[in-house]
């Protein structure tokens, strides 16, 4: 079955005649293709994100191990083993500001360079692009962090990333591609109606789902390069829409 999936995906990109073979297939066959498609996309995105983000992730933990002081939350109060207020900057894009202050000098994160995390005696403040969130320590529970522990956290998070990241992306992709295919169905219905043929929802969904494959291939290639292309979402949906139009036309004209 995996071999058949890759053959179908290749033909969905290269041959409009291919759609004549699949547009009337069973819903079960279409859903199986959706499952394989989602699984492949999830694997690809998990690896791409790991490749692109791990250097940043690793660099942050190395920086934190050298700079973040030992701290603990005991009975809803923060205790920090360092002179305070302590202001730290993790220089990246953007630069993150970390402030540890149990002295009361900083009551909130206003005026601090964003994005900022402010650790006060009783609350954690997070502020980014003007939006602020506050988390009382008493609601977060006991916590203890020391620089020596960060390498262990880094290792655990690295191990958890692949199963959790893949599972999330698999579920998200199945839902997202299903919705996208449903949104493309009206194109198939309109084209078929123009030739005097009324498509069922199953037929339209099948054509639209396979028509997403070329756009998905382009999307994965762009993500792999790390390029930021303006209006790429428009390019994505236009590509899928064009394939849906011509694929439907190829299917109904032979009737």
Protein backbone atom coordinates (compact mmCIF):
# COMPACT_ATOMS: atom_id res chain seq x y z
CA UNK A 1 0.00 0.00 0.00
CA UNK A 2 2.77 2.60 0.72
CA UNK A 3 4.15 1.95 -2.77
CA UNK A 4 0.70 2.55 -4.28
CA UNK A 5 0.38 5.75 -2.28
CA UNK A 6 3.60 7.20 -3.69
CA UNK A 7 2.66 6.17 -7.23
CA UNK A 8 -0.75 7.84 -6.84
CA UNK A 9 0.85 10.98 -5.39
CA UNK A 10 3.28 11.22 -8.30
CA UNK A 11 0.52 10.74 -10.86
CA UNK A 12 -1.71 13.27 -9.08
CA UNK A 13 1.00 15.85 -9.80
CA UNK A 14 2.00 14.81 -13.31
CA UNK A 15 -1.14 13.41 -15.00
CA UNK A 16 -4.61 14.89 -15.13
CA UNK A 17 -5.70 11.62 -16.77
CA UNK A 18 -4.94 9.91 -13.45
CA UNK A 19 -8.00 11.54 -11.89
CA UNK A 20 -10.20 9.54 -14.25
CA UNK A 21 -9.00 6.42 -12.40
CA UNK A 22 -9.79 7.55 -8.86
CA UNK A 23 -12.65 10.05 -8.85
CA UNK A 24 -15.29 7.35 -8.46
CA UNK A 25 -13.38 5.19 -5.99
CA UNK A 26 -14.88 4.28 -2.62
CA UNK A 27 -14.81 6.69 0.29
CA UNK A 28 -12.75 4.13 2.19
CA UNK A 29 -10.02 4.22 -0.47
CA UNK A 30 -9.97 8.02 -0.34
CA UNK A 31 -9.74 8.06 3.45
CA UNK A 32 -6.88 5.54 3.35
CA UNK A 33 -5.06 7.88 0.96
CA UNK A 34 -5.77 10.77 3.36
CA UNK A 35 -4.26 8.77 6.22
CA UNK A 36 -1.10 7.96 4.27
CA UNK A 37 -0.85 11.54 3.02
CA UNK A 38 -1.19 12.92 6.54
CA UNK A 39 1.37 10.45 7.90
CA UNK A 40 3.95 11.40 5.26
CA UNK A 41 3.36 15.13 5.78
CA UNK A 42 3.63 14.71 9.56
CA UNK A 43 6.93 12.83 9.24
CA UNK A 44 8.32 15.43 6.84
CA UNK A 45 7.29 18.38 9.01
CA UNK A 46 8.58 16.74 12.18
CA UNK A 47 12.01 16.29 10.59
CA UNK A 48 12.02 19.73 8.95
CA UNK A 49 11.13 21.51 12.19
CA UNK A 50 13.73 19.48 14.09
CA UNK A 51 16.41 20.35 11.55
CA UNK A 52 15.52 24.05 11.53
CA UNK A 53 14.70 24.61 15.21
CA UNK A 54 17.09 22.30 17.06
CA UNK A 55 20.12 24.63 16.67
CA UNK A 56 18.09 27.46 18.24
CA UNK A 57 16.70 25.14 20.92
CA UNK A 58 20.18 23.81 21.74
CA UNK A 59 21.74 27.29 21.77
CA UNK A 60 19.09 28.57 24.20
CA UNK A 61 19.66 25.73 26.67
CA UNK A 62 23.43 26.25 26.48
CA UNK A 63 22.91 29.95 27.18
CA UNK A 64 20.47 29.23 30.02
CA UNK A 65 22.87 26.77 31.63
CA UNK A 66 25.52 29.50 31.74
CA UNK A 67 23.26 32.40 32.81
CA UNK A 68 19.99 31.40 34.50
CA UNK A 69 20.35 31.35 38.30
CA UNK A 70 19.12 28.56 40.50
CA UNK A 71 15.55 29.23 41.61
CA UNK A 72 12.68 27.45 43.31
CA UNK A 73 9.00 28.00 44.07
CA UNK A 74 8.18 27.13 47.67
CA UNK A 75 4.62 27.52 48.99
CA UNK A 76 3.71 29.91 46.20
CA UNK A 77 6.77 32.12 46.58
CA UNK A 78 9.80 32.38 44.32
CA UNK A 79 13.28 32.05 45.81
CA UNK A 80 16.26 33.02 43.64
CA UNK A 81 19.91 32.26 44.43
CA UNK A 82 21.33 35.51 42.97
CA UNK A 83 21.56 39.25 43.55
CA UNK A 84 18.39 40.97 42.35
CA UNK A 85 16.94 42.50 40.31
CA UNK A 86 18.77 40.39 37.72
CA UNK A 87 18.27 41.31 34.04
CA UNK A 88 19.39 38.88 31.36
CA UNK A 89 19.14 39.02 27.59
CA UNK A 90 19.14 36.02 25.28
CA UNK A 91 20.24 37.59 22.00
CA UNK A 92 18.42 35.96 19.15
CA UNK A 93 15.78 37.06 16.70
CA UNK A 94 14.02 38.48 18.61
CA UNK A 95 16.08 39.13 21.76
CA UNK A 96 14.39 37.71 24.86
CA UNK A 97 14.55 39.50 28.21
CA UNK A 98 14.57 37.53 31.47
CA UNK A 99 14.17 39.41 34.75
CA UNK A 100 14.41 37.85 38.21
CA UNK A 101 13.18 40.18 40.94
CA UNK A 102 11.75 39.22 44.33
CA UNK A 103 12.60 42.67 45.78
CA UNK A 104 9.52 44.39 44.38
CA UNK A 105 11.46 46.71 42.09
CA UNK A 106 9.46 45.45 39.11
CA UNK A 107 5.72 45.17 39.72
CA UNK A 108 4.91 44.13 36.14
CA UNK A 109 6.56 43.72 32.76
CA UNK A 110 5.63 47.20 31.46
CA UNK A 111 8.63 49.10 30.10
CA UNK A 112 10.81 46.02 29.72
CA UNK A 113 12.10 45.05 26.29
CA UNK A 114 9.77 42.47 24.73
CA UNK A 115 9.42 39.55 24.59
CA UNK A 116 10.02 39.39 28.32
CA UNK A 117 9.64 36.92 31.16
CA UNK A 118 9.53 38.58 34.58
CA UNK A 119 9.93 36.32 37.61
CA UNK A 120 8.62 38.16 40.70
CA UNK A 121 8.14 36.87 44.21
CA UNK A 122 4.58 35.69 43.67
CA UNK A 123 3.95 35.77 39.91
CA UNK A 124 5.41 35.05 36.50
CA UNK A 125 4.75 37.73 33.88
CA UNK A 126 5.00 37.15 30.14
CA UNK A 127 4.68 40.04 27.73
CA UNK A 128 4.98 40.01 23.93
CA UNK A 129 3.77 42.52 21.32
CA UNK A 130 1.84 44.39 23.98
CA UNK A 131 -0.10 41.33 25.17
CA UNK A 132 0.58 40.32 28.76
CA UNK A 133 -0.16 37.13 30.67
CA UNK A 134 0.23 36.57 34.41
CA UNK A 135 0.71 33.22 36.16
CA UNK A 136 0.63 33.16 39.99
CA UNK A 137 3.23 30.76 41.35
CA UNK A 138 0.68 29.26 43.72
CA UNK A 139 -1.30 28.06 40.68
CA UNK A 140 1.76 26.52 39.01
CA UNK A 141 2.82 24.44 42.01
CA UNK A 142 6.25 23.61 43.43
CA UNK A 143 9.21 24.09 41.10
CA UNK A 144 12.97 23.87 41.38
CA UNK A 145 15.43 24.69 38.60
CA UNK A 146 19.20 24.70 38.74
CA UNK A 147 21.64 25.26 35.85
CA UNK A 148 22.93 21.70 36.25
CA UNK A 149 19.46 20.31 35.56
CA UNK A 150 19.02 22.07 32.23
CA UNK A 151 21.06 19.56 30.24
CA UNK A 152 18.74 16.81 31.54
CA UNK A 153 15.66 18.86 30.58
CA UNK A 154 17.15 19.41 27.14
CA UNK A 155 17.68 15.67 26.65
CA UNK A 156 14.16 14.78 27.84
CA UNK A 157 12.51 17.43 25.66
CA UNK A 158 14.51 16.25 22.65
CA UNK A 159 13.30 12.69 23.18
CA UNK A 160 9.69 13.77 23.71
CA UNK A 161 9.64 16.05 20.68
CA UNK A 162 9.48 13.30 18.05
CA UNK A 163 6.55 11.22 19.36
CA UNK A 164 4.57 14.22 20.62
CA UNK A 165 5.39 16.45 17.65
CA UNK A 166 4.55 13.72 15.15
CA UNK A 167 1.28 12.80 16.89
CA UNK A 168 0.14 16.42 16.99
CA UNK A 169 1.09 17.06 13.36
CA UNK A 170 -0.62 13.85 12.20
CA UNK A 171 -3.95 14.77 13.79
CA UNK A 172 -3.68 18.42 12.73
CA UNK A 173 -2.80 17.49 9.14
CA UNK A 174 -5.70 15.05 8.78
CA UNK A 175 -8.14 17.71 9.95
CA UNK A 176 -6.56 20.53 7.94
CA UNK A 177 -6.36 18.62 4.65
CA UNK A 178 -9.92 17.34 5.07
CA UNK A 179 -11.20 20.89 5.56
CA UNK A 180 -9.13 22.18 2.63
CA UNK A 181 -10.51 19.46 0.37
CA UNK A 182 -14.07 20.27 1.42
CA UNK A 183 -13.45 23.95 0.68
CA UNK A 184 -12.25 23.02 -2.81
CA UNK A 185 -15.30 20.85 -3.51
CA UNK A 186 -17.44 23.74 -4.85
CA UNK A 187 -14.92 24.19 -7.69
CA UNK A 188 -15.44 20.57 -8.70
CA UNK A 189 -19.23 20.91 -8.40
CA UNK A 190 -19.32 24.05 -10.57
CA UNK A 191 -17.10 22.54 -13.27
CA UNK A 192 -19.13 19.34 -13.39
CA UNK A 193 -22.42 21.24 -13.50
CA UNK A 194 -21.13 23.15 -16.51
CA UNK A 195 -20.95 19.82 -18.36
CA UNK A 196 -24.35 18.71 -17.15
CA UNK A 197 -23.04 16.29 -14.53
CA UNK A 198 -23.86 16.36 -10.84
CA UNK A 199 -21.03 15.15 -8.62
CA UNK A 200 -21.64 13.54 -5.26
CA UNK A 201 -19.82 14.91 -2.23
CA UNK A 202 -17.69 11.75 -2.23
CA UNK A 203 -16.60 12.33 -5.84
CA UNK A 204 -15.87 16.02 -5.25
CA UNK A 205 -13.96 15.34 -2.03
CA UNK A 206 -11.83 12.68 -3.76
CA UNK A 207 -10.91 14.95 -6.67
CA UNK A 208 -10.18 17.87 -4.33
CA UNK A 209 -8.07 15.80 -1.93
CA UNK A 210 -5.83 14.44 -4.67
CA UNK A 211 -5.64 17.93 -6.19
CA UNK A 212 -4.06 19.13 -2.94
CA UNK A 213 -1.01 16.92 -3.52
CA UNK A 214 0.82 19.30 -5.94
CA UNK A 215 0.30 22.23 -3.56
CA UNK A 216 1.47 20.11 -0.61
CA UNK A 217 4.62 19.10 -2.51
CA UNK A 218 5.42 22.77 -3.18
CA UNK A 219 4.68 23.66 0.45
CA UNK A 220 7.06 21.00 1.81
CA UNK A 221 9.80 22.08 -0.61
CA UNK A 222 9.47 25.70 0.51
CA UNK A 223 9.50 24.71 4.17
CA UNK A 224 12.62 22.63 3.58
CA UNK A 225 14.47 25.62 2.17
CA UNK A 226 13.36 27.82 5.06
CA UNK A 227 12.32 30.59 2.66
CA UNK A 228 9.61 33.04 3.70
CA UNK A 229 7.53 33.69 0.58
CA UNK A 230 4.97 36.48 0.70
CA UNK A 231 1.40 35.40 0.00
CA UNK A 232 2.44 31.74 -0.14
CA UNK A 233 -0.93 30.68 1.28
CA UNK A 234 -2.54 32.25 -1.79
CA UNK A 235 -0.11 30.40 -4.07
CA UNK A 236 -0.95 27.17 -2.24
CA UNK A 237 -4.71 27.45 -2.57
CA UNK A 238 -4.56 28.73 -6.18
CA UNK A 239 -2.41 25.74 -7.16
CA UNK A 240 -4.86 23.33 -5.54
CA UNK A 241 -7.80 25.17 -7.12
CA UNK A 242 -6.28 24.99 -10.63
CA UNK A 243 -5.65 21.26 -10.24
CA UNK A 244 -9.20 20.74 -8.96
CA UNK A 245 -10.60 22.60 -11.97
CA UNK A 246 -8.67 20.74 -14.64
CA UNK A 247 -8.87 17.37 -12.86
CA UNK A 248 -12.67 17.65 -12.64
CA UNK A 249 -12.87 18.72 -16.25
CA UNK A 250 -10.82 15.70 -17.31
CA UNK A 251 -13.10 13.40 -15.30
CA UNK A 252 -16.46 14.66 -16.52
CA UNK A 253 -15.65 15.31 -20.18
CA UNK A 254 -15.23 11.59 -20.85
CA UNK A 255 -18.76 10.81 -19.64
